[in-house]
PDB file of all heavy atoms in Angstrom:
ATOM      1  N   ASN A   1       4.478   7.187  51.982  1.00  0.00           N
ATOM      2  CA  ASN A   1       4.959   5.829  52.230  1.00  0.00           C
ATOM      3  C   ASN A   1       5.451   5.728  53.658  1.00  0.00           C
ATOM      4  O   ASN A   1       6.137   6.624  54.153  1.00  0.00           O
ATOM      5  CB  ASN A   1       6.102   5.476  51.277  1.00  0.00           C
ATOM      6  CG  ASN A   1       5.660   5.408  49.834  1.00  0.00           C
ATOM      7  OD1 ASN A   1       4.672   4.759  49.514  1.00  0.00           O
ATOM      8  ND2 ASN A   1       6.388   6.089  48.962  1.00  0.00           N
ATOM      9  N   PHE A   2       5.107   4.624  54.339  1.00  0.00           N
ATOM     10  CA  PHE A   2       5.550   4.504  55.719  1.00  0.00           C
ATOM     11  C   PHE A   2       7.063   4.366  55.794  1.00  0.00           C
ATOM     12  O   PHE A   2       7.719   5.014  56.610  1.00  0.00           O
ATOM     13  CB  PHE A   2       4.868   3.324  56.415  1.00  0.00           C
ATOM     14  CG  PHE A   2       5.114   3.304  57.894  1.00  0.00           C
ATOM     15  CD1 PHE A   2       4.322   4.052  58.753  1.00  0.00           C
ATOM     16  CD2 PHE A   2       6.161   2.576  58.436  1.00  0.00           C
ATOM     17  CE1 PHE A   2       4.567   4.069  60.128  1.00  0.00           C
ATOM     18  CE2 PHE A   2       6.412   2.575  59.800  1.00  0.00           C
ATOM     19  CZ  PHE A   2       5.619   3.325  60.651  1.00  0.00           C
ATOM     20  N   PHE A   3       7.625   3.522  54.961  1.00  0.00           N
ATOM     21  CA  PHE A   3       9.078   3.365  54.911  1.00  0.00           C
ATOM     22  C   PHE A   3       9.615   4.182  53.744  1.00  0.00           C
ATOM     23  O   PHE A   3       9.319   3.883  52.588  1.00  0.00           O
ATOM     24  CB  PHE A   3       9.465   1.893  54.770  1.00  0.00           C
ATOM     25  CG  PHE A   3       9.071   1.057  55.953  1.00  0.00           C
ATOM     26  CD1 PHE A   3       7.958   0.239  55.896  1.00  0.00           C
ATOM     27  CD2 PHE A   3       9.813   1.112  57.123  1.00  0.00           C
ATOM     28  CE1 PHE A   3       7.588  -0.523  57.002  1.00  0.00           C
ATOM     29  CE2 PHE A   3       9.451   0.363  58.224  1.00  0.00           C
ATOM     30  CZ  PHE A   3       8.333  -0.454  58.171  1.00  0.00           C
ATOM     31  N   SER A   4      10.368   5.208  54.059  1.00  0.00           N
ATOM     32  CA  SER A   4      10.813   6.119  53.008  1.00  0.00           C
ATOM     33  C   SER A   4      12.191   6.681  53.335  1.00  0.00           C
ATOM     34  O   SER A   4      12.474   7.046  54.474  1.00  0.00           O
ATOM     35  CB  SER A   4       9.813   7.271  52.837  1.00  0.00           C
ATOM     36  OG  SER A   4       9.618   7.949  54.061  1.00  0.00           O
ATOM     37  N   THR A   5      13.030   6.728  52.320  1.00  0.00           N
ATOM     38  CA  THR A   5      14.352   7.331  52.488  1.00  0.00           C
ATOM     39  C   THR A   5      14.249   8.832  52.271  1.00  0.00           C
ATOM     40  O   THR A   5      13.288   9.330  51.680  1.00  0.00           O
ATOM     41  CB  THR A   5      15.355   6.743  51.485  1.00  0.00           C
ATOM     42  OG1 THR A   5      14.914   7.038  50.154  1.00  0.00           O
ATOM     43  CG2 THR A   5      15.469   5.238  51.649  1.00  0.00           C
ATOM     44  N   ALA A   6      15.251   9.561  52.737  1.00  0.00           N
ATOM     45  CA  ALA A   6      15.237  11.019  52.605  1.00  0.00           C
ATOM     46  C   ALA A   6      15.283  11.451  51.151  1.00  0.00           C
ATOM     47  O   ALA A   6      14.696  12.467  50.773  1.00  0.00           O
ATOM     48  CB  ALA A   6      16.415  11.617  53.371  1.00  0.00           C
ATOM     49  N   ASN A   7      15.970  10.690  50.317  1.00  0.00           N
ATOM     50  CA  ASN A   7      16.147  11.097  48.924  1.00  0.00           C
ATOM     51  C   ASN A   7      14.947  10.760  48.042  1.00  0.00           C
ATOM     52  O   ASN A   7      14.413  11.626  47.335  1.00  0.00           O
ATOM     53  CB  ASN A   7      17.403  10.441  48.338  1.00  0.00           C
ATOM     54  CG  ASN A   7      18.671  10.942  48.997  1.00  0.00           C
ATOM     55  OD1 ASN A   7      18.742  12.093  49.431  1.00  0.00           O
ATOM     56  ND2 ASN A   7      19.684  10.093  49.082  1.00  0.00           N
ATOM     57  N   SER A   8      14.504   9.527  48.098  1.00  0.00           N
ATOM     58  CA  SER A   8      13.464   9.085  47.161  1.00  0.00           C
ATOM     59  C   SER A   8      12.051   9.133  47.726  1.00  0.00           C
ATOM     60  O   SER A   8      11.084   9.121  46.976  1.00  0.00           O
ATOM     61  CB  SER A   8      13.763   7.656  46.695  1.00  0.00           C
ATOM     62  OG  SER A   8      13.653   6.752  47.780  1.00  0.00           O
ATOM     63  N   GLY A   9      11.924   9.168  49.035  1.00  0.00           N
ATOM     64  CA  GLY A   9      10.588   9.155  49.632  1.00  0.00           C
ATOM     65  C   GLY A   9       9.949   7.780  49.610  1.00  0.00           C
ATOM     66  O   GLY A   9       8.750   7.627  49.868  1.00  0.00           O
ATOM     67  N   LYS A  10      10.734   6.753  49.318  1.00  0.00           N
ATOM     68  CA  LYS A  10      10.229   5.378  49.310  1.00  0.00           C
ATOM     69  C   LYS A  10      11.393   4.436  49.576  1.00  0.00           C
ATOM     70  O   LYS A  10      12.546   4.863  49.684  1.00  0.00           O
ATOM     71  CB  LYS A  10       9.590   5.046  47.959  1.00  0.00           C
ATOM     72  CG  LYS A  10      10.564   5.108  46.796  1.00  0.00           C
ATOM     73  CD  LYS A  10       9.868   4.784  45.473  1.00  0.00           C
ATOM     74  CE  LYS A  10      10.875   4.844  44.315  1.00  0.00           C
ATOM     75  NZ  LYS A  10      10.229   4.520  43.023  1.00  0.00           N
ATOM     76  N   ILE A  11      11.083   3.158  49.670  1.00  0.00           N
ATOM     77  CA  ILE A  11      12.121   2.139  49.805  1.00  0.00           C
ATOM     78  C   ILE A  11      11.799   1.038  48.806  1.00  0.00           C
ATOM     79  O   ILE A  11      10.638   0.635  48.672  1.00  0.00           O
ATOM     80  CB  ILE A  11      12.180   1.591  51.252  1.00  0.00           C
ATOM     81  CG1 ILE A  11      13.386   0.664  51.427  1.00  0.00           C
ATOM     82  CG2 ILE A  11      10.905   0.901  51.647  1.00  0.00           C
ATOM     83  CD1 ILE A  11      13.609   0.233  52.869  1.00  0.00           C
ATOM     84  N   THR A  12      12.782   0.594  48.063  1.00  0.00           N
ATOM     85  CA  THR A  12      12.566  -0.450  47.064  1.00  0.00           C
ATOM     86  C   THR A  12      13.086  -1.779  47.589  1.00  0.00           C
ATOM     87  O   THR A  12      13.966  -1.817  48.461  1.00  0.00           O
ATOM     88  CB  THR A  12      13.285  -0.126  45.738  1.00  0.00           C
ATOM     89  OG1 THR A  12      14.708  -0.128  45.953  1.00  0.00           O
ATOM     90  CG2 THR A  12      12.855   1.245  45.217  1.00  0.00           C
ATOM     91  N   HIS A  13      12.546  -2.869  47.041  1.00  0.00           N
ATOM     92  CA  HIS A  13      12.997  -4.175  47.528  1.00  0.00           C
ATOM     93  C   HIS A  13      14.448  -4.432  47.126  1.00  0.00           C
ATOM     94  O   HIS A  13      15.178  -5.115  47.845  1.00  0.00           O
ATOM     95  CB  HIS A  13      12.077  -5.291  47.019  1.00  0.00           C
ATOM     96  CG  HIS A  13      12.165  -5.561  45.559  1.00  0.00           C
ATOM     97  ND1 HIS A  13      11.414  -4.880  44.626  1.00  0.00           N
ATOM     98  CD2 HIS A  13      12.915  -6.446  44.856  1.00  0.00           C
ATOM     99  CE1 HIS A  13      11.698  -5.338  43.419  1.00  0.00           C
ATOM    100  NE2 HIS A  13      12.605  -6.280  43.528  1.00  0.00           N
ATOM    101  N   GLN A  14      14.880  -3.843  45.999  1.00  0.00           N
ATOM    102  CA  GLN A  14      16.288  -4.015  45.608  1.00  0.00           C
ATOM    103  C   GLN A  14      17.219  -3.368  46.627  1.00  0.00           C
ATOM    104  O   GLN A  14      18.214  -3.973  47.064  1.00  0.00           O
ATOM    105  CB  GLN A  14      16.533  -3.408  44.225  1.00  0.00           C
ATOM    106  CG  GLN A  14      15.841  -4.117  43.078  1.00  0.00           C
ATOM    107  CD  GLN A  14      14.502  -3.484  42.746  1.00  0.00           C
ATOM    108  OE1 GLN A  14      13.904  -2.798  43.582  1.00  0.00           O
ATOM    109  NE2 GLN A  14      14.025  -3.716  41.541  1.00  0.00           N
ATOM    110  N   TYR A  15      16.898  -2.131  47.007  1.00  0.00           N
ATOM    111  CA  TYR A  15      17.728  -1.408  47.976  1.00  0.00           C
ATOM    112  C   TYR A  15      17.715  -2.110  49.332  1.00  0.00           C
ATOM    113  O   TYR A  15      18.763  -2.276  49.984  1.00  0.00           O
ATOM    114  CB  TYR A  15      17.230   0.028  48.119  1.00  0.00           C
ATOM    115  CG  TYR A  15      17.924   0.817  49.194  1.00  0.00           C
ATOM    116  CD1 TYR A  15      19.271   1.162  49.082  1.00  0.00           C
ATOM    117  CD2 TYR A  15      17.238   1.227  50.337  1.00  0.00           C
ATOM    118  CE1 TYR A  15      19.917   1.876  50.076  1.00  0.00           C
ATOM    119  CE2 TYR A  15      17.871   1.953  51.333  1.00  0.00           C
ATOM    120  CZ  TYR A  15      19.212   2.283  51.192  1.00  0.00           C
ATOM    121  OH  TYR A  15      19.841   2.998  52.185  1.00  0.00           O
ATOM    122  N   LEU A  16      16.534  -2.560  49.745  1.00  0.00           N
ATOM    123  CA  LEU A  16      16.423  -3.236  51.036  1.00  0.00           C
ATOM    124  C   LEU A  16      17.260  -4.506  51.056  1.00  0.00           C
ATOM    125  O   LEU A  16      18.001  -4.765  52.016  1.00  0.00           O
ATOM    126  CB  LEU A  16      14.954  -3.560  51.332  1.00  0.00           C
ATOM    127  CG  LEU A  16      14.674  -4.294  52.644  1.00  0.00           C
ATOM    128  CD1 LEU A  16      15.166  -3.482  53.835  1.00  0.00           C
ATOM    129  CD2 LEU A  16      13.191  -4.597  52.785  1.00  0.00           C
ATOM    130  N   ASN A  17      17.167  -5.300  49.993  1.00  0.00           N
ATOM    131  CA  ASN A  17      17.927  -6.545  49.956  1.00  0.00           C
ATOM    132  C   ASN A  17      19.429  -6.303  49.889  1.00  0.00           C
ATOM    133  O   ASN A  17      20.215  -7.054  50.476  1.00  0.00           O
ATOM    134  CB  ASN A  17      17.476  -7.414  48.774  1.00  0.00           C
ATOM    135  CG  ASN A  17      16.241  -8.237  49.100  1.00  0.00           C
ATOM    136  OD1 ASN A  17      16.078  -8.721  50.219  1.00  0.00           O
ATOM    137  ND2 ASN A  17      15.364  -8.396  48.130  1.00  0.00           N
ATOM    138  N   GLU A  18      19.846  -5.253  49.189  1.00  0.00           N
ATOM    139  CA  GLU A  18      21.270  -4.909  49.155  1.00  0.00           C
ATOM    140  C   GLU A  18      21.784  -4.600  50.557  1.00  0.00           C
ATOM    141  O   GLU A  18      22.872  -5.031  50.957  1.00  0.00           O
ATOM    142  CB  GLU A  18      21.496  -3.713  48.229  1.00  0.00           C
ATOM    143  CG  GLU A  18      21.365  -4.046  46.740  1.00  0.00           C
ATOM    144  CD  GLU A  18      21.446  -2.804  45.871  1.00  0.00           C
ATOM    145  OE1 GLU A  18      21.649  -1.700  46.430  1.00  0.00           O
ATOM    146  OE2 GLU A  18      21.298  -2.932  44.643  1.00  0.00           O
ATOM    147  N   CYS A  19      20.983  -3.843  51.298  1.00  0.00           N
ATOM    148  CA  CYS A  19      21.363  -3.505  52.676  1.00  0.00           C
ATOM    149  C   CYS A  19      21.387  -4.749  53.561  1.00  0.00           C
ATOM    150  O   CYS A  19      22.284  -4.915  54.403  1.00  0.00           O
ATOM    151  CB  CYS A  19      20.390  -2.477  53.253  1.00  0.00           C
ATOM    152  SG  CYS A  19      20.500  -0.829  52.509  1.00  0.00           S
ATOM    153  N   ILE A  20      20.407  -5.628  53.370  1.00  0.00           N
ATOM    154  CA  ILE A  20      20.342  -6.853  54.168  1.00  0.00           C
ATOM    155  C   ILE A  20      21.579  -7.708  53.924  1.00  0.00           C
ATOM    156  O   ILE A  20      22.171  -8.253  54.869  1.00  0.00           O
ATOM    157  CB  ILE A  20      19.054  -7.638  53.852  1.00  0.00           C
ATOM    158  CG1 ILE A  20      17.838  -6.885  54.404  1.00  0.00           C
ATOM    159  CG2 ILE A  20      19.120  -9.050  54.444  1.00  0.00           C
ATOM    160  CD1 ILE A  20      16.509  -7.500  54.028  1.00  0.00           C
ATOM    161  N   HIS A  21      22.009  -7.822  52.662  1.00  0.00           N
ATOM    162  CA  HIS A  21      23.225  -8.584  52.352  1.00  0.00           C
ATOM    163  C   HIS A  21      24.427  -8.017  53.114  1.00  0.00           C
ATOM    164  O   HIS A  21      25.224  -8.755  53.691  1.00  0.00           O
ATOM    165  CB  HIS A  21      23.517  -8.543  50.853  1.00  0.00           C
ATOM    166  CG  HIS A  21      22.455  -9.164  49.991  1.00  0.00           C
ATOM    167  ND1 HIS A  21      21.662 -10.200  50.425  1.00  0.00           N
ATOM    168  CD2 HIS A  21      22.060  -8.893  48.718  1.00  0.00           C
ATOM    169  CE1 HIS A  21      20.835 -10.548  49.461  1.00  0.00           C
ATOM    170  NE2 HIS A  21      21.052  -9.771  48.421  1.00  0.00           N
ATOM    171  N   THR A  22      24.521  -6.689  53.097  1.00  0.00           N
ATOM    172  CA  THR A  22      25.652  -6.017  53.739  1.00  0.00           C
ATOM    173  C   THR A  22      25.660  -6.254  55.248  1.00  0.00           C
ATOM    174  O   THR A  22      26.696  -6.606  55.841  1.00  0.00           O
ATOM    175  CB  THR A  22      25.610  -4.511  53.451  1.00  0.00           C
ATOM    176  OG1 THR A  22      25.688  -4.298  52.038  1.00  0.00           O
ATOM    177  CG2 THR A  22      26.763  -3.793  54.141  1.00  0.00           C
ATOM    178  N   TYR A  23      24.503  -6.069  55.876  1.00  0.00           N
ATOM    179  CA  TYR A  23      24.431  -6.204  57.333  1.00  0.00           C
ATOM    180  C   TYR A  23      24.539  -7.668  57.775  1.00  0.00           C
ATOM    181  O   TYR A  23      25.043  -7.953  58.864  1.00  0.00           O
ATOM    182  CB  TYR A  23      23.141  -5.587  57.863  1.00  0.00           C
ATOM    183  CG  TYR A  23      23.153  -4.069  57.803  1.00  0.00           C
ATOM    184  CD1 TYR A  23      22.206  -3.372  57.060  1.00  0.00           C
ATOM    185  CD2 TYR A  23      24.121  -3.346  58.478  1.00  0.00           C
ATOM    186  CE1 TYR A  23      22.214  -1.988  57.003  1.00  0.00           C
ATOM    187  CE2 TYR A  23      24.147  -1.957  58.431  1.00  0.00           C
ATOM    188  CZ  TYR A  23      23.196  -1.287  57.685  1.00  0.00           C
ATOM    189  OH  TYR A  23      23.220   0.089  57.620  1.00  0.00           O
ATOM    190  N   ALA A  24      24.065  -8.597  56.948  1.00  0.00           N
ATOM    191  CA  ALA A  24      24.205 -10.014  57.276  1.00  0.00           C
ATOM    192  C   ALA A  24      25.676 -10.395  57.334  1.00  0.00           C
ATOM    193  O   ALA A  24      26.125 -11.100  58.248  1.00  0.00           O
ATOM    194  CB  ALA A  24      23.477 -10.868  56.244  1.00  0.00           C
ATOM    195  N   LYS A  25      26.432  -9.903  56.359  1.00  0.00           N
ATOM    196  CA  LYS A  25      27.870 -10.173  56.336  1.00  0.00           C
ATOM    197  C   LYS A  25      28.544  -9.552  57.548  1.00  0.00           C
ATOM    198  O   LYS A  25      29.425 -10.159  58.180  1.00  0.00           O
ATOM    199  CB  LYS A  25      28.473  -9.626  55.043  1.00  0.00           C
ATOM    200  CG  LYS A  25      29.929 -10.005  54.821  1.00  0.00           C
ATOM    201  CD  LYS A  25      30.422  -9.526  53.467  1.00  0.00           C
ATOM    202  CE  LYS A  25      31.876  -9.937  53.235  1.00  0.00           C
ATOM    203  NZ  LYS A  25      32.353  -9.482  51.892  1.00  0.00           N
TER     204      LYS A  25
END
């Protein structure tokens, strides 16, 4: 996967959106 975390080897839309909420705030 091009976008991948160290732990899972992938990125999910749930995780991405959670991060986006945090950084937007």
